[in-house]
Protein backbone atom coordinates (compact mmCIF):
# COMPACT_ATOMS: atom_id res chain seq x y z
CA MET A 1 4.62 30.86 -70.44
CA GLU A 2 2.61 30.20 -73.53
CA ASN A 3 -0.74 31.82 -74.11
CA HIS A 4 -1.91 28.31 -75.01
CA ALA A 5 -1.50 27.05 -71.42
CA LEU A 6 -3.65 29.90 -70.11
CA LYS A 7 -6.29 29.42 -72.84
CA GLU A 8 -6.48 25.74 -71.98
CA LEU A 9 -6.76 26.35 -68.22
CA ALA A 10 -9.45 24.01 -66.91
CA ILE A 11 -10.39 24.40 -63.28
CA PRO A 12 -12.45 21.41 -62.16
CA ARG A 13 -16.20 21.85 -61.89
CA TRP A 14 -17.96 20.76 -58.70
CA GLU A 15 -18.71 17.30 -60.08
CA GLU A 16 -15.04 16.83 -61.05
CA LEU A 17 -13.65 17.70 -57.62
CA PRO A 18 -12.55 14.64 -55.63
CA ASP A 19 -15.48 13.19 -53.74
CA LEU A 20 -13.28 11.74 -51.04
CA ASP A 21 -11.63 13.26 -48.03
CA LEU A 22 -8.14 14.64 -48.62
CA TYR A 23 -5.30 15.43 -46.25
CA MET A 24 -3.61 18.83 -46.36
CA ASP A 25 -0.70 17.70 -48.56
CA GLN A 26 -3.12 16.18 -51.08
CA VAL A 27 -5.16 19.41 -51.15
CA LEU A 28 -2.04 21.49 -51.75
CA SER A 29 -0.79 19.22 -54.52
CA TYR A 30 -4.20 19.08 -56.24
CA ILE A 31 -4.89 22.81 -56.21
CA ASN A 32 -1.34 23.90 -57.05
CA SER A 33 -1.14 21.53 -60.02
CA ARG A 34 -4.48 22.78 -61.41
CA LEU A 35 -3.59 26.47 -61.01
CA GLU A 36 0.00 26.16 -62.27
CA PRO A 37 -0.79 27.75 -65.67
CA LEU A 38 -1.66 30.97 -63.79
CA SER A 39 1.89 31.30 -62.45
CA ILE A 40 3.17 34.17 -64.57
CA GLY A 41 6.63 35.53 -63.93
CA GLU A 42 6.93 36.53 -60.32
CA GLU A 43 3.25 36.12 -59.65
CA LYS A 44 3.28 32.49 -58.53
CA THR A 45 0.00 30.80 -57.77
CA VAL A 46 0.97 28.58 -54.85
CA LEU A 47 -1.20 27.45 -51.98
CA THR A 48 0.60 26.57 -48.73
CA SER A 49 -0.57 24.91 -45.54
CA SER A 50 -0.12 28.16 -43.60
CA MET A 51 -2.37 29.92 -46.13
CA VAL A 52 -5.08 27.26 -45.72
CA ASN A 53 -4.80 27.52 -41.93
CA ASN A 54 -5.12 31.30 -42.17
CA TYR A 55 -8.22 31.02 -44.39
CA VAL A 56 -9.77 28.67 -41.83
CA LYS A 57 -8.79 30.93 -38.93
CA THR A 58 -10.37 33.95 -40.64
CA ASN A 59 -13.55 31.97 -41.47
CA ILE A 60 -13.11 32.22 -45.23
CA VAL A 61 -12.95 28.42 -45.41
CA LYS A 62 -14.63 26.03 -43.00
CA PRO A 63 -12.35 24.01 -40.71
CA PRO A 64 -11.37 20.54 -41.90
CA VAL A 65 -13.33 17.60 -40.53
CA LYS A 66 -10.91 15.46 -38.48
CA LYS A 67 -7.98 16.81 -40.57
CA HIS A 68 -9.79 15.92 -43.80
CA TYR A 69 -10.80 18.35 -46.51
CA LYS A 70 -13.96 17.79 -48.49
CA ARG A 71 -15.17 18.86 -51.92
CA TYR A 72 -16.54 22.18 -50.63
CA HIS A 73 -13.15 23.02 -49.10
CA LEU A 74 -11.53 22.57 -52.50
CA ALA A 75 -14.14 24.75 -54.19
CA TYR A 76 -13.60 27.58 -51.72
CA LEU A 77 -9.83 27.27 -51.97
CA PHE A 78 -9.92 27.51 -55.77
CA VAL A 79 -12.03 30.67 -55.58
CA VAL A 80 -9.87 32.21 -52.85
CA MET A 81 -6.68 31.47 -54.78
CA LEU A 82 -8.08 33.22 -57.84
CA MET A 83 -9.42 36.23 -55.96
CA LYS A 84 -6.32 36.78 -53.84
CA ARG A 85 -4.51 38.03 -56.94
CA CYS A 86 -6.50 41.26 -56.66
CA PHE A 87 -8.37 41.35 -53.36
CA SER A 88 -7.48 41.34 -49.67
CA LEU A 89 -8.63 38.50 -47.43
CA SER A 90 -11.25 40.71 -45.79
CA GLU A 91 -12.60 41.67 -49.23
CA ILE A 92 -12.63 38.01 -50.31
CA SER A 93 -14.52 37.05 -47.17
CA ARG A 94 -17.12 39.76 -47.82
CA LEU A 95 -17.42 38.86 -51.51
CA ILE A 96 -17.97 35.19 -50.75
CA ARG A 97 -20.64 36.02 -48.17
CA VAL A 98 -22.42 38.40 -50.55
CA TYR A 99 -22.47 35.99 -53.44
CA SER A 100 -23.05 32.57 -51.90
CA ASN A 101 -24.80 31.03 -48.94
CA ILE A 102 -22.04 28.90 -47.46
CA GLU A 103 -24.57 26.80 -45.53
CA ASP A 104 -26.52 25.67 -48.62
CA PRO A 105 -24.54 22.86 -50.34
CA GLU A 106 -26.68 22.92 -53.49
CA ARG A 107 -26.14 26.64 -53.92
CA VAL A 108 -22.41 26.33 -53.22
CA SER A 109 -22.01 23.83 -56.07
CA ARG A 110 -24.11 25.92 -58.48
CA ASP A 111 -22.38 29.20 -57.58
CA TYR A 112 -18.92 27.60 -57.74
CA ASN A 113 -19.60 26.15 -61.20
CA LYS A 114 -20.93 29.49 -62.44
CA PHE A 115 -17.91 31.36 -61.05
CA ILE A 116 -15.43 28.97 -62.68
CA THR A 117 -17.30 28.89 -66.01
CA VAL A 118 -17.48 32.70 -66.22
CA PHE A 119 -13.83 33.00 -65.12
CA GLU A 120 -12.58 30.65 -67.83
CA SER A 121 -14.74 32.27 -70.54
CA CYS A 122 -13.67 35.76 -69.52
CA LEU A 123 -10.00 34.76 -69.39
CA ARG A 124 -10.12 33.23 -72.88
CA GLU A 125 -11.86 36.33 -74.23
CA MET A 126 -9.28 38.61 -72.59
CA LEU A 127 -6.38 36.55 -73.98
CA GLU A 128 -7.83 36.72 -77.49
CA THR A 129 -9.02 40.34 -77.61
CA GLY A 130 -7.50 42.19 -74.66
CA HIS A 131 -10.92 42.97 -73.20
CA SER A 132 -14.17 41.32 -72.15
CA ASP A 133 -17.55 42.62 -73.26
CA THR A 134 -19.57 39.42 -72.99
CA GLU A 135 -22.77 39.50 -70.97
CA PHE A 136 -22.27 36.34 -68.99
CA ILE A 137 -25.66 36.54 -67.27
CA ALA A 138 -28.78 38.16 -68.72
CA ASP A 139 -30.26 40.73 -66.31
CA PRO A 140 -27.85 39.93 -63.45
CA THR A 141 -28.74 40.64 -59.86
CA LEU A 142 -26.47 43.00 -57.93
CA GLU A 143 -24.70 39.97 -56.41
CA GLN A 144 -24.14 38.46 -59.86
CA GLN A 145 -22.89 41.79 -61.25
CA ILE A 146 -20.40 41.99 -58.37
CA MET A 147 -19.19 38.47 -59.22
CA ILE A 148 -18.84 39.31 -62.92
CA ASN A 149 -16.84 42.45 -62.15
CA VAL A 150 -14.62 40.55 -59.70
CA ILE A 151 -13.92 38.03 -62.45
CA ARG A 152 -13.23 40.76 -65.03
CA THR A 153 -10.79 42.34 -62.59
CA LEU A 154 -8.99 39.01 -62.11
CA CYS A 155 -8.85 38.34 -65.85
CA SER A 156 -7.63 41.87 -66.57
CA LYS A 157 -4.79 41.47 -64.09
CA ILE A 158 -3.79 38.09 -65.54
CA TRP A 159 -3.89 39.57 -69.07
CA VAL A 160 -1.70 42.51 -68.03
CA GLN A 161 0.81 40.20 -66.30
CA TYR A 162 0.94 37.90 -69.30
CA SER A 163 1.23 40.81 -71.76
CA LEU A 164 3.98 42.52 -69.78
CA ARG A 165 5.95 39.30 -69.65
CA THR A 166 5.52 38.83 -73.39
CA VAL A 167 6.71 42.38 -74.10
CA GLU A 168 9.69 41.99 -71.74
CA GLU A 169 10.69 38.65 -73.31
CA ASN A 170 10.57 40.19 -76.77
CA GLY A 171 12.87 42.99 -75.63
CA THR A 172 10.52 45.80 -76.59
CA VAL A 173 10.18 47.38 -73.17
CA THR A 174 11.72 50.86 -72.82
CA SER A 175 13.07 51.82 -69.43
């Protein structure tokens, strides 16, 4: 895996998400293809239909509408797929409820875009420097600070996975 693929990772913003109803197989294909650069070594980023069904069953993601998934489903699935690298489903459910009002579509789009923008910026910074010191939001609320620290945790884990793989491929790991 090249660092370049991770640096160029571009998760769609709200406006770029398909504005038409998708079936399960289309959702899986869309999300898996967009998150493929995050598959590092054994840590594969793959969404399955049973995972989606479990997220719906546990109320992390709203149920599909007549077997169709809408833009907001995709947004939640992207966020869940990122957070599940470091957090349990119950923690993800709590984090989503703390940070965003699921019933307010305007806030969902704004919060989703902010999450993705901060995630990508933090990841690029981590890949270049090994740490992230950027203040992504001036005077953040507690909810925003939680989100920023969740994102830093995710980016730190991705950086460690990538760095370990790089060291192992170069044969410099001592056992």
